[in-house]
C-alpha cells in the first residue's frame, strides 16, 4: 500500500483554481518533497492531505483513509510540523512534550525526544524564551511524540543555523530507516537534494514534473559546463578541439558538452603540455535549483 494516493485533485477559492487536477502517490518509507513558488498550490494540497481543508473533487487516501473524514485513527498515525505552530508558550519544553504525549496511546519518551532534537540544555526553559531555531526543534519533537507512521514537514528547518539543519537532516533520515514516511515541503534546494527520494514541482496549481532529484527535468542528461581562465586571451585561440560549444570572453572560457570526461582530459592535457595554468577550473552540471527555476518559469523573471 502507498502511504499517500492522490487522483485528479481540485480545489478553488472563488474564481481562483488553486489546485487543478493534481495526481501523485507516495510510497511507504519514502521521503517525498513538494516544491513550488508561493501561490503554486502547495499549501492547499498539503492541508487537504492533513485533513484541515476539504477538496471539491478527486480522490485522496492517506494511510488508506480519506482525510476529509477527520478520523481519530488517522490523527493517531500522522505527525505534522506546520510553518507556524501555536503552542502554550508559558510551558517548558519538557512540559509541552509530556502534555502532547498524553493525546496518544503510543508515544515516545520525553527524554528520548529532547535528546533527539538536541534541546537537552533547554529542557526546563519556557517555549517563549526559545530562539526561532529552537522552537522549530520543539515543533519537530511534538510532531514525533505520537510515534507517527507518516510525517508532514512544512519548511522544517526555517531559522536553523547550518549545523542544526544538518542534524535535523540526520534525524529525518534516521526516521526513514525506521520505516517512517516523510512528506516534505521546503524552499531549500540542498535540503530537497539531500533528503528526498523523489521530488514533485508544482506550478499554477498543477504538478509539472515528478522524479528523483538527480533525474528531475532530464537533469542527468543535460550538458556539463567546464569553466576556467587562461593567462591571456590569445591562448584561447590555441585551445584543442572538443565536442560541444566553446564560449570565450577574453580570458574566461566556458565549454558546454555532453562528453565531459573527454573534453576535460583534452583541455587539461593541452594545458599541462604547454605549462599553462587554468585558473578557477570547474566542471558543473545544472543544479536542482536550475531545473526548478526552469520548470516554474522563475528564471524568466530573475535578473541576469
C-alpha atoms as a PDB file:
ATOM      1  CA  UNK A   1       0.000   0.000   0.000  1.00  0.00           C
ATOM      2  CA  UNK A   2       1.130   3.531  -0.764  1.00  0.00           C
ATOM      3  CA  UNK A   3       1.235   5.956   2.151  1.00  0.00           C
ATOM      4  CA  UNK A   4      -0.498   8.647   0.056  1.00  0.00           C
ATOM      5  CA  UNK A   5      -2.528   8.425  -3.148  1.00  0.00           C
ATOM      6  CA  UNK A   6      -3.966  11.500  -4.879  1.00  0.00           C
ATOM      7  CA  UNK A   7      -6.026  11.353  -8.075  1.00  0.00           C
ATOM      8  CA  UNK A   8      -7.338  14.351 -10.032  1.00  0.00           C
ATOM      9  CA  UNK A   9      -7.452  16.681  -7.022  1.00  0.00           C
ATOM     10  CA  UNK A  10      -9.256  20.012  -7.463  1.00  0.00           C
ATOM     11  CA  UNK A  11      -9.759  22.972  -5.129  1.00  0.00           C
ATOM     12  CA  UNK A  12     -10.901  26.526  -5.940  1.00  0.00           C
ATOM     13  CA  UNK A  13     -11.344  29.738  -3.981  1.00  0.00           C
ATOM     14  CA  UNK A  14     -13.978  31.694  -5.850  1.00  0.00           C
ATOM     15  CA  UNK A  15     -12.727  32.119  -9.404  1.00  0.00           C
ATOM     16  CA  UNK A  16      -9.180  31.063  -8.479  1.00  0.00           C
ATOM     17  CA  UNK A  17      -8.416  27.386  -9.105  1.00  0.00           C
ATOM     18  CA  UNK A  18      -5.670  26.780  -6.550  1.00  0.00           C
ATOM     19  CA  UNK A  19      -5.276  23.062  -7.315  1.00  0.00           C
ATOM     20  CA  UNK A  20      -6.098  21.795 -10.792  1.00  0.00           C
ATOM     21  CA  UNK A  21      -6.122  18.054 -11.471  1.00  0.00           C
ATOM     22  CA  UNK A  22      -3.178  17.090  -9.264  1.00  0.00           C
ATOM     23  CA  UNK A  23      -2.258  13.385  -9.132  1.00  0.00           C
ATOM     24  CA  UNK A  24       0.656  11.642  -7.407  1.00  0.00           C
ATOM     25  CA  UNK A  25       1.469   8.892  -4.939  1.00  0.00           C
ATOM     26  CA  UNK A  26       3.942   8.477  -2.097  1.00  0.00           C
ATOM     27  CA  UNK A  27       5.340   5.052  -1.264  1.00  0.00           C
ATOM     28  CA  UNK A  28       5.674   3.752   2.267  1.00  0.00           C
ATOM     29  CA  UNK A  29       9.072   4.671   3.729  1.00  0.00           C
ATOM     30  CA  UNK A  30       9.718   7.325   1.081  1.00  0.00           C
ATOM     31  CA  UNK A  31      10.802  10.938   1.542  1.00  0.00           C
ATOM     32  CA  UNK A  32       8.641  12.821  -0.943  1.00  0.00           C
ATOM     33  CA  UNK A  33       9.345  16.531  -1.430  1.00  0.00           C
ATOM     34  CA  UNK A  34       6.847  19.012  -2.880  1.00  0.00           C
ATOM     35  CA  UNK A  35       8.440  22.132  -4.377  1.00  0.00           C
ATOM     36  CA  UNK A  36       6.896  25.220  -5.906  1.00  0.00           C
ATOM     37  CA  UNK A  37       6.798  29.022  -5.703  1.00  0.00           C
ATOM     38  CA  UNK A  38       4.403  30.868  -3.428  1.00  0.00           C
ATOM     39  CA  UNK A  39       0.863  30.598  -4.793  1.00  0.00           C
ATOM     40  CA  UNK A  40       1.550  27.351  -6.673  1.00  0.00           C
ATOM     41  CA  UNK A  41      -0.983  25.388  -4.596  1.00  0.00           C
ATOM     42  CA  UNK A  42       1.405  23.523  -2.279  1.00  0.00           C
ATOM     43  CA  UNK A  43      -0.180  24.625   0.986  1.00  0.00           C
ATOM     44  CA  UNK A  44      -3.713  23.857  -0.203  1.00  0.00           C
ATOM     45  CA  UNK A  45      -2.628  20.397  -1.358  1.00  0.00           C
ATOM     46  CA  UNK A  46      -0.875  19.615   1.919  1.00  0.00           C
ATOM     47  CA  UNK A  47      -3.766  20.896   4.034  1.00  0.00           C
ATOM     48  CA  UNK A  48      -6.157  18.614   2.132  1.00  0.00           C
ATOM     49  CA  UNK A  49      -3.848  15.661   2.837  1.00  0.00           C
ATOM     50  CA  UNK A  50      -3.698  16.596   6.517  1.00  0.00           C
ATOM     51  CA  UNK A  51      -7.469  16.883   6.743  1.00  0.00           C
ATOM     52  CA  UNK A  52      -7.519  20.619   7.507  1.00  0.00           C
ATOM     53  CA  UNK A  53      -9.165  21.558   4.212  1.00  0.00           C
ATOM     54  CA  UNK A  54     -11.811  19.855   2.078  1.00  0.00           C
ATOM     55  CA  UNK A  55     -11.418  19.156  -1.635  1.00  0.00           C
ATOM     56  CA  UNK A  56     -14.008  19.873  -4.322  1.00  0.00           C
ATOM     57  CA  UNK A  57     -13.402  16.709  -6.285  1.00  0.00           C
ATOM     58  CA  UNK A  58     -10.866  13.974  -6.770  1.00  0.00           C
ATOM     59  CA  UNK A  59      -9.759  11.041  -4.624  1.00  0.00           C
ATOM     60  CA  UNK A  60      -7.335  11.241  -1.686  1.00  0.00           C
ATOM     61  CA  UNK A  61      -6.082   8.400   0.501  1.00  0.00           C
ATOM     62  CA  UNK A  62      -3.662   8.888   3.419  1.00  0.00           C
ATOM     63  CA  UNK A  63      -2.579   5.613   5.057  1.00  0.00           C
ATOM     64  CA  UNK A  64      -5.651   4.066   3.453  1.00  0.00           C
ATOM     65  CA  UNK A  65      -8.012   6.641   4.995  1.00  0.00           C
ATOM     66  CA  UNK A  66      -9.833   9.586   3.433  1.00  0.00           C
ATOM     67  CA  UNK A  67      -8.531  12.606   5.425  1.00  0.00           C
ATOM     68  CA  UNK A  68     -11.766  14.509   4.764  1.00  0.00           C
ATOM     69  CA  UNK A  69     -13.481  12.272   7.344  1.00  0.00           C
ATOM     70  CA  UNK A  70     -11.192  13.579  10.098  1.00  0.00           C
ATOM     71  CA  UNK A  71     -10.970  10.220  11.838  1.00  0.00           C
ATOM     72  CA  UNK A  72      -9.182   9.761  15.150  1.00  0.00           C
ATOM     73  CA  UNK A  73      -7.379   6.761  13.654  1.00  0.00           C
ATOM     74  CA  UNK A  74      -5.637   8.933  11.065  1.00  0.00           C
ATOM     75  CA  UNK A  75      -4.718  11.606  13.641  1.00  0.00           C
ATOM     76  CA  UNK A  76      -3.046   8.919  15.735  1.00  0.00           C
ATOM     77  CA  UNK A  77      -0.894   7.805  12.806  1.00  0.00           C
ATOM     78  CA  UNK A  78       0.426  11.117  11.414  1.00  0.00           C
ATOM     79  CA  UNK A  79       2.675  13.877  12.752  1.00  0.00           C
ATOM     80  CA  UNK A  80       2.641  17.454  11.481  1.00  0.00           C
ATOM     81  CA  UNK A  81       5.133  20.334  11.599  1.00  0.00           C
ATOM     82  CA  UNK A  82       3.417  23.452  10.256  1.00  0.00           C
ATOM     83  CA  UNK A  83       5.194  26.616   9.122  1.00  0.00           C
ATOM     84  CA  UNK A  84       3.928  28.259  12.294  1.00  0.00           C
ATOM     85  CA  UNK A  85       2.752  26.140  15.225  1.00  0.00           C
ATOM     86  CA  UNK A  86       0.653  27.558  18.041  1.00  0.00           C
ATOM     87  CA  UNK A  87       1.721  26.138  21.407  1.00  0.00           C
ATOM     88  CA  UNK A  88       1.363  27.078  25.061  1.00  0.00           C
ATOM     89  CA  UNK A  89       4.449  29.285  25.366  1.00  0.00           C
ATOM     90  CA  UNK A  90       4.235  29.515  29.150  1.00  0.00           C
ATOM     91  CA  UNK A  91       5.107  25.816  29.480  1.00  0.00           C
ATOM     92  CA  UNK A  92       8.624  24.405  29.393  1.00  0.00           C
ATOM     93  CA  UNK A  93       9.998  22.124  26.694  1.00  0.00           C
ATOM     94  CA  UNK A  94       9.601  19.020  28.863  1.00  0.00           C
ATOM     95  CA  UNK A  95       6.108  20.018  29.986  1.00  0.00           C
ATOM     96  CA  UNK A  96       4.913  20.523  26.415  1.00  0.00           C
ATOM     97  CA  UNK A  97       6.243  17.173  25.219  1.00  0.00           C
ATOM     98  CA  UNK A  98       4.695  15.441  28.234  1.00  0.00           C
ATOM     99  CA  UNK A  99       1.334  17.148  27.666  1.00  0.00           C
ATOM    100  CA  UNK A 100       1.157  16.443  23.922  1.00  0.00           C
ATOM    101  CA  UNK A 101       2.207  12.851  24.511  1.00  0.00           C
ATOM    102  CA  UNK A 102      -0.915  12.260  26.600  1.00  0.00           C
ATOM    103  CA  UNK A 103      -3.037  12.686  23.472  1.00  0.00           C
ATOM    104  CA  UNK A 104      -1.635   9.434  22.036  1.00  0.00           C
ATOM    105  CA  UNK A 105      -1.999   5.829  23.037  1.00  0.00           C
ATOM    106  CA  UNK A 106       1.536   5.063  21.863  1.00  0.00           C
ATOM    107  CA  UNK A 107       4.166   7.734  22.467  1.00  0.00           C
ATOM    108  CA  UNK A 108       7.896   8.342  22.672  1.00  0.00           C
ATOM    109  CA  UNK A 109       9.527   9.228  25.969  1.00  0.00           C
ATOM    110  CA  UNK A 110      10.172  12.867  26.885  1.00  0.00           C
ATOM    111  CA  UNK A 111      13.902  12.361  27.459  1.00  0.00           C
ATOM    112  CA  UNK A 112      14.329  10.481  24.170  1.00  0.00           C
ATOM    113  CA  UNK A 113      12.667  13.258  22.159  1.00  0.00           C
ATOM    114  CA  UNK A 114      14.570  16.052  23.891  1.00  0.00           C
ATOM    115  CA  UNK A 115      17.830  14.293  23.103  1.00  0.00           C
ATOM    116  CA  UNK A 116      16.743  13.598  19.514  1.00  0.00           C
ATOM    117  CA  UNK A 117      16.140  17.294  18.754  1.00  0.00           C
ATOM    118  CA  UNK A 118      19.123  18.478  20.834  1.00  0.00           C
ATOM    119  CA  UNK A 119      17.207  20.533  23.371  1.00  0.00           C
ATOM    120  CA  UNK A 120      18.825  18.963  26.449  1.00  0.00           C
ATOM    121  CA  UNK A 121      20.074  22.332  27.707  1.00  0.00           C
ATOM    122  CA  UNK A 122      16.611  23.851  27.217  1.00  0.00           C
ATOM    123  CA  UNK A 123      14.608  21.106  28.925  1.00  0.00           C
ATOM    124  CA  UNK A 124      13.273  23.425  31.660  1.00  0.00           C
ATOM    125  CA  UNK A 125      13.108  26.569  29.512  1.00  0.00           C
ATOM    126  CA  UNK A 126       9.731  28.094  28.684  1.00  0.00           C
ATOM    127  CA  UNK A 127       8.814  27.957  24.999  1.00  0.00           C
ATOM    128  CA  UNK A 128       8.510  31.765  24.964  1.00  0.00           C
ATOM    129  CA  UNK A 129      12.235  32.021  25.729  1.00  0.00           C
ATOM    130  CA  UNK A 130      13.422  29.754  22.910  1.00  0.00           C
ATOM    131  CA  UNK A 131      15.068  31.087  19.755  1.00  0.00           C
ATOM    132  CA  UNK A 132      13.407  30.602  16.369  1.00  0.00           C
ATOM    133  CA  UNK A 133      15.538  27.568  15.543  1.00  0.00           C
ATOM    134  CA  UNK A 134      14.926  26.046  18.975  1.00  0.00           C
ATOM    135  CA  UNK A 135      11.173  26.489  18.519  1.00  0.00           C
ATOM    136  CA  UNK A 136      11.345  24.579  15.236  1.00  0.00           C
ATOM    137  CA  UNK A 137      13.200  21.761  17.004  1.00  0.00           C
ATOM    138  CA  UNK A 138      10.461  21.697  19.628  1.00  0.00           C
ATOM    139  CA  UNK A 139       7.834  21.596  16.848  1.00  0.00           C
ATOM    140  CA  UNK A 140       9.584  18.528  15.417  1.00  0.00           C
ATOM    141  CA  UNK A 141       9.647  16.839  18.847  1.00  0.00           C
ATOM    142  CA  UNK A 142       5.907  17.457  19.280  1.00  0.00           C
ATOM    143  CA  UNK A 143       5.221  16.015  15.812  1.00  0.00           C
ATOM    144  CA  UNK A 144       7.151  12.862  16.710  1.00  0.00           C
ATOM    145  CA  UNK A 145       5.698  12.319  20.171  1.00  0.00           C
ATOM    146  CA  UNK A 146       2.913  10.017  18.933  1.00  0.00           C
ATOM    147  CA  UNK A 147       5.228   7.640  17.015  1.00  0.00           C
ATOM    148  CA  UNK A 148       3.671   8.628  13.637  1.00  0.00           C
ATOM    149  CA  UNK A 149       3.873   6.419  10.573  1.00  0.00           C
ATOM    150  CA  UNK A 150       3.667   9.463   8.297  1.00  0.00           C
ATOM    151  CA  UNK A 151       5.254  12.836   9.000  1.00  0.00           C
ATOM    152  CA  UNK A 152       4.303  16.101   7.273  1.00  0.00           C
ATOM    153  CA  UNK A 153       7.142  18.628   7.448  1.00  0.00           C
ATOM    154  CA  UNK A 154       6.383  22.158   6.205  1.00  0.00           C
ATOM    155  CA  UNK A 155       9.618  24.180   5.994  1.00  0.00           C
ATOM    156  CA  UNK A 156      11.024  22.229   8.989  1.00  0.00           C
ATOM    157  CA  UNK A 157      14.468  23.871   9.159  1.00  0.00           C
ATOM    158  CA  UNK A 158      13.495  27.521   8.751  1.00  0.00           C
ATOM    159  CA  UNK A 159      15.608  29.554  11.183  1.00  0.00           C
ATOM    160  CA  UNK A 160      18.166  26.789  11.721  1.00  0.00           C
ATOM    161  CA  UNK A 161      21.891  27.512  11.529  1.00  0.00           C
ATOM    162  CA  UNK A 162      23.853  25.234   9.134  1.00  0.00           C
ATOM    163  CA  UNK A 163      24.912  22.800  11.870  1.00  0.00           C
ATOM    164  CA  UNK A 164      21.367  22.500  13.241  1.00  0.00           C
ATOM    165  CA  UNK A 165      19.969  21.950   9.735  1.00  0.00           C
ATOM    166  CA  UNK A 166      22.344  19.074   9.090  1.00  0.00           C
ATOM    167  CA  UNK A 167      21.464  17.499  12.427  1.00  0.00           C
ATOM    168  CA  UNK A 168      17.766  17.788  11.527  1.00  0.00           C
ATOM    169  CA  UNK A 169      18.502  16.063   8.222  1.00  0.00           C
ATOM    170  CA  UNK A 170      20.227  13.231  10.092  1.00  0.00           C
ATOM    171  CA  UNK A 171      17.182  12.905  12.358  1.00  0.00           C
ATOM    172  CA  UNK A 172      14.833  12.718   9.368  1.00  0.00           C
ATOM    173  CA  UNK A 173      16.998  10.109   7.646  1.00  0.00           C
ATOM    174  CA  UNK A 174      17.072   8.079  10.882  1.00  0.00           C
ATOM    175  CA  UNK A 175      13.264   8.152  10.985  1.00  0.00           C
ATOM    176  CA  UNK A 176      13.122   6.816   7.435  1.00  0.00           C
ATOM    177  CA  UNK A 177      15.394   3.941   8.393  1.00  0.00           C
ATOM    178  CA  UNK A 178      12.755   3.031  10.979  1.00  0.00           C
ATOM    179  CA  UNK A 179      10.170   2.809   8.180  1.00  0.00           C
ATOM    180  CA  UNK A 180       8.587   6.257   8.594  1.00  0.00           C
ATOM    181  CA  UNK A 181       7.256   8.108   5.553  1.00  0.00           C
ATOM    182  CA  UNK A 182       8.026  11.824   5.196  1.00  0.00           C
ATOM    183  CA  UNK A 183       6.127  14.381   3.118  1.00  0.00           C
ATOM    184  CA  UNK A 184       8.353  17.454   2.931  1.00  0.00           C
ATOM    185  CA  UNK A 185       7.857  20.978   1.624  1.00  0.00           C
ATOM    186  CA  UNK A 186      10.862  23.283   1.529  1.00  0.00           C
ATOM    187  CA  UNK A 187      12.401  26.244  -0.276  1.00  0.00           C
ATOM    188  CA  UNK A 188      15.936  24.928   0.332  1.00  0.00           C
ATOM    189  CA  UNK A 189      17.103  23.065  -2.759  1.00  0.00           C
ATOM    190  CA  UNK A 190      20.018  21.457  -0.897  1.00  0.00           C
ATOM    191  CA  UNK A 191      17.507  20.083   1.617  1.00  0.00           C
ATOM    192  CA  UNK A 192      15.439  18.511  -1.162  1.00  0.00           C
ATOM    193  CA  UNK A 193      18.598  17.204  -2.847  1.00  0.00           C
ATOM    194  CA  UNK A 194      19.872  15.640   0.385  1.00  0.00           C
ATOM    195  CA  UNK A 195      16.657  14.154   1.792  1.00  0.00           C
ATOM    196  CA  UNK A 196      14.186  13.419  -0.995  1.00  0.00           C
ATOM    197  CA  UNK A 197      13.804  10.091  -2.751  1.00  0.00           C
ATOM    198  CA  UNK A 198      11.514  11.863  -5.226  1.00  0.00           C
ATOM    199  CA  UNK A 199      10.605  15.475  -5.913  1.00  0.00           C
ATOM    200  CA  UNK A 200       7.412  16.950  -7.361  1.00  0.00           C
ATOM    201  CA  UNK A 201       7.295  20.509  -8.705  1.00  0.00           C
ATOM    202  CA  UNK A 202       4.045  22.495  -8.687  1.00  0.00           C
ATOM    203  CA  UNK A 203       3.282  25.496 -10.852  1.00  0.00           C
ATOM    204  CA  UNK A 204      -0.055  27.356 -11.067  1.00  0.00           C
ATOM    205  CA  UNK A 205      -1.977  24.604  -9.307  1.00  0.00           C
ATOM    206  CA  UNK A 206      -0.606  21.690 -11.338  1.00  0.00           C
ATOM    207  CA  UNK A 207       2.309  19.289 -10.975  1.00  0.00           C
ATOM    208  CA  UNK A 208       4.706  19.853 -13.868  1.00  0.00           C
ATOM    209  CA  UNK A 209       7.332  17.207 -13.023  1.00  0.00           C
ATOM    210  CA  UNK A 210       7.923  14.267 -10.669  1.00  0.00           C
ATOM    211  CA  UNK A 211      11.216  12.391 -10.480  1.00  0.00           C
ATOM    212  CA  UNK A 212      14.301  11.771  -8.376  1.00  0.00           C
ATOM    213  CA  UNK A 213      16.367  14.897  -7.596  1.00  0.00           C
ATOM    214  CA  UNK A 214      19.076  13.624  -9.930  1.00  0.00           C
ATOM    215  CA  UNK A 215      16.779  12.974 -12.895  1.00  0.00           C
ATOM    216  CA  UNK A 216      14.203  15.771 -12.462  1.00  0.00           C
ATOM    217  CA  UNK A 217      13.597  17.599 -15.728  1.00  0.00           C
ATOM    218  CA  UNK A 218      16.177  15.453 -17.529  1.00  0.00           C
ATOM    219  CA  UNK A 219      18.885  16.889 -15.281  1.00  0.00           C
ATOM    220  CA  UNK A 220      21.232  13.917 -15.580  1.00  0.00           C
ATOM    221  CA  UNK A 221      21.095  14.204 -19.394  1.00  0.00           C
ATOM    222  CA  UNK A 222      21.919  17.911 -19.529  1.00  0.00           C
ATOM    223  CA  UNK A 223      25.367  19.004 -20.729  1.00  0.00           C
ATOM    224  CA  UNK A 224      28.084  19.862 -18.246  1.00  0.00           C
ATOM    225  CA  UNK A 225      29.836  23.225 -18.239  1.00  0.00           C
ATOM    226  CA  UNK A 226      33.644  23.396 -17.965  1.00  0.00           C
ATOM    227  CA  UNK A 227      34.842  26.828 -16.855  1.00  0.00           C
ATOM    228  CA  UNK A 228      38.345  28.226 -16.473  1.00  0.00           C
ATOM    229  CA  UNK A 229      40.507  31.302 -17.094  1.00  0.00           C
ATOM    230  CA  UNK A 230      43.596  31.468 -19.305  1.00  0.00           C
ATOM    231  CA  UNK A 231      46.671  33.641 -18.688  1.00  0.00           C
ATOM    232  CA  UNK A 232      45.793  35.761 -21.735  1.00  0.00           C
ATOM    233  CA  UNK A 233      43.116  35.995 -24.412  1.00  0.00           C
ATOM    234  CA  UNK A 234      45.494  34.815 -27.174  1.00  0.00           C
ATOM    235  CA  UNK A 235      45.771  31.377 -25.585  1.00  0.00           C
ATOM    236  CA  UNK A 236      42.068  30.848 -26.271  1.00  0.00           C
ATOM    237  CA  UNK A 237      42.838  30.647 -29.998  1.00  0.00           C
ATOM    238  CA  UNK A 238      45.064  27.597 -29.365  1.00  0.00           C
ATOM    239  CA  UNK A 239      42.544  25.509 -27.412  1.00  0.00           C
ATOM    240  CA  UNK A 240      42.247  21.896 -28.608  1.00  0.00           C
ATOM    241  CA  UNK A 241      39.091  20.841 -30.442  1.00  0.00           C
ATOM    242  CA  UNK A 242      36.404  19.439 -28.130  1.00  0.00           C
ATOM    243  CA  UNK A 243      32.902  18.164 -28.698  1.00  0.00           C
ATOM    244  CA  UNK A 244      30.494  20.843 -27.558  1.00  0.00           C
ATOM    245  CA  UNK A 245      30.045  24.603 -27.525  1.00  0.00           C
ATOM    246  CA  UNK A 246      33.031  26.780 -26.627  1.00  0.00           C
ATOM    247  CA  UNK A 247      32.312  30.315 -25.385  1.00  0.00           C
ATOM    248  CA  UNK A 248      35.173  32.754 -24.848  1.00  0.00           C
ATOM    249  CA  UNK A 249      35.006  36.141 -23.137  1.00  0.00           C
ATOM    250  CA  UNK A 250      38.559  37.413 -23.089  1.00  0.00           C
ATOM    251  CA  UNK A 251      40.458  35.145 -20.704  1.00  0.00           C
ATOM    252  CA  UNK A 252      37.291  33.423 -19.434  1.00  0.00           C
ATOM    253  CA  UNK A 253      36.293  30.207 -21.188  1.00  0.00           C
ATOM    254  CA  UNK A 254      33.131  28.117 -20.838  1.00  0.00           C
ATOM    255  CA  UNK A 255      32.634  24.810 -22.628  1.00  0.00           C
ATOM    256  CA  UNK A 256      29.217  23.139 -22.679  1.00  0.00           C
ATOM    257  CA  UNK A 257      29.498  19.466 -23.552  1.00  0.00           C
ATOM    258  CA  UNK A 258      27.859  16.069 -23.136  1.00  0.00           C
ATOM    259  CA  UNK A 259      31.260  14.356 -23.415  1.00  0.00           C
ATOM    260  CA  UNK A 260      32.522  15.713 -20.099  1.00  0.00           C
ATOM    261  CA  UNK A 261      35.360  13.258 -19.438  1.00  0.00           C
ATOM    262  CA  UNK A 262      36.946  13.525 -22.897  1.00  0.00           C
ATOM    263  CA  UNK A 263      36.614  17.309 -23.028  1.00  0.00           C
ATOM    264  CA  UNK A 264      38.129  17.705 -19.552  1.00  0.00           C
ATOM    265  CA  UNK A 265      41.017  15.389 -20.430  1.00  0.00           C
ATOM    266  CA  UNK A 266      41.689  17.211 -23.702  1.00  0.00           C
ATOM    267  CA  UNK A 267      41.741  20.663 -22.085  1.00  0.00           C
ATOM    268  CA  UNK A 268      43.830  19.736 -19.039  1.00  0.00           C
ATOM    269  CA  UNK A 269      46.244  17.650 -21.157  1.00  0.00           C
ATOM    270  CA  UNK A 270      46.700  20.578 -23.551  1.00  0.00           C
ATOM    271  CA  UNK A 271      47.392  22.934 -20.628  1.00  0.00           C
ATOM    272  CA  UNK A 272      49.908  20.594 -18.979  1.00  0.00           C
ATOM    273  CA  UNK A 273      51.862  20.099 -22.212  1.00  0.00           C
ATOM    274  CA  UNK A 274      52.263  23.856 -22.593  1.00  0.00           C
ATOM    275  CA  UNK A 275      52.717  24.727 -18.925  1.00  0.00           C
ATOM    276  CA  UNK A 276      49.562  26.830 -18.949  1.00  0.00           C
ATOM    277  CA  UNK A 277      47.764  27.363 -15.641  1.00  0.00           C
ATOM    278  CA  UNK A 278      43.983  27.047 -15.815  1.00  0.00           C
ATOM    279  CA  UNK A 279      42.669  29.357 -13.117  1.00  0.00           C
ATOM    280  CA  UNK A 280      39.328  28.755 -11.364  1.00  0.00           C
ATOM    281  CA  UNK A 281      38.861  25.452 -13.199  1.00  0.00           C
ATOM    282  CA  UNK A 282      35.470  23.802 -12.524  1.00  0.00           C
ATOM    283  CA  UNK A 283      33.121  21.229 -14.028  1.00  0.00           C
ATOM    284  CA  UNK A 284      29.426  21.594 -13.183  1.00  0.00           C
ATOM    285  CA  UNK A 285      26.056  20.210 -14.228  1.00  0.00           C
ATOM    286  CA  UNK A 286      22.746  22.038 -13.899  1.00  0.00           C
ATOM    287  CA  UNK A 287      21.792  22.112 -10.214  1.00  0.00           C
ATOM    288  CA  UNK A 288      18.422  21.108  -8.821  1.00  0.00           C
ATOM    289  CA  UNK A 289      17.770  24.813  -8.344  1.00  0.00           C
ATOM    290  CA  UNK A 290      18.476  25.483 -12.044  1.00  0.00           C
ATOM    291  CA  UNK A 291      15.947  22.825 -13.059  1.00  0.00           C
ATOM    292  CA  UNK A 292      13.406  24.070 -10.515  1.00  0.00           C
ATOM    293  CA  UNK A 293      13.635  27.643 -11.809  1.00  0.00           C
ATOM    294  CA  UNK A 294      13.246  26.381 -15.365  1.00  0.00           C
ATOM    295  CA  UNK A 295      10.196  24.245 -14.542  1.00  0.00           C
ATOM    296  CA  UNK A 296       8.452  27.000 -12.577  1.00  0.00           C
ATOM    297  CA  UNK A 297       9.348  29.765 -15.035  1.00  0.00           C
ATOM    298  CA  UNK A 298      11.008  31.819 -12.303  1.00  0.00           C
ATOM    299  CA  UNK A 299      14.283  32.043 -14.257  1.00  0.00           C
ATOM    300  CA  UNK A 300      12.434  34.187 -16.791  1.00  0.00           C
ATOM    301  CA  UNK A 301      11.780  36.854 -14.163  1.00  0.00           C
ATOM    302  CA  UNK A 302      15.184  36.619 -12.461  1.00  0.00           C
ATOM    303  CA  UNK A 303      17.855  39.265 -13.235  1.00  0.00           C
ATOM    304  CA  UNK A 304      20.719  38.131 -15.388  1.00  0.00           C
END
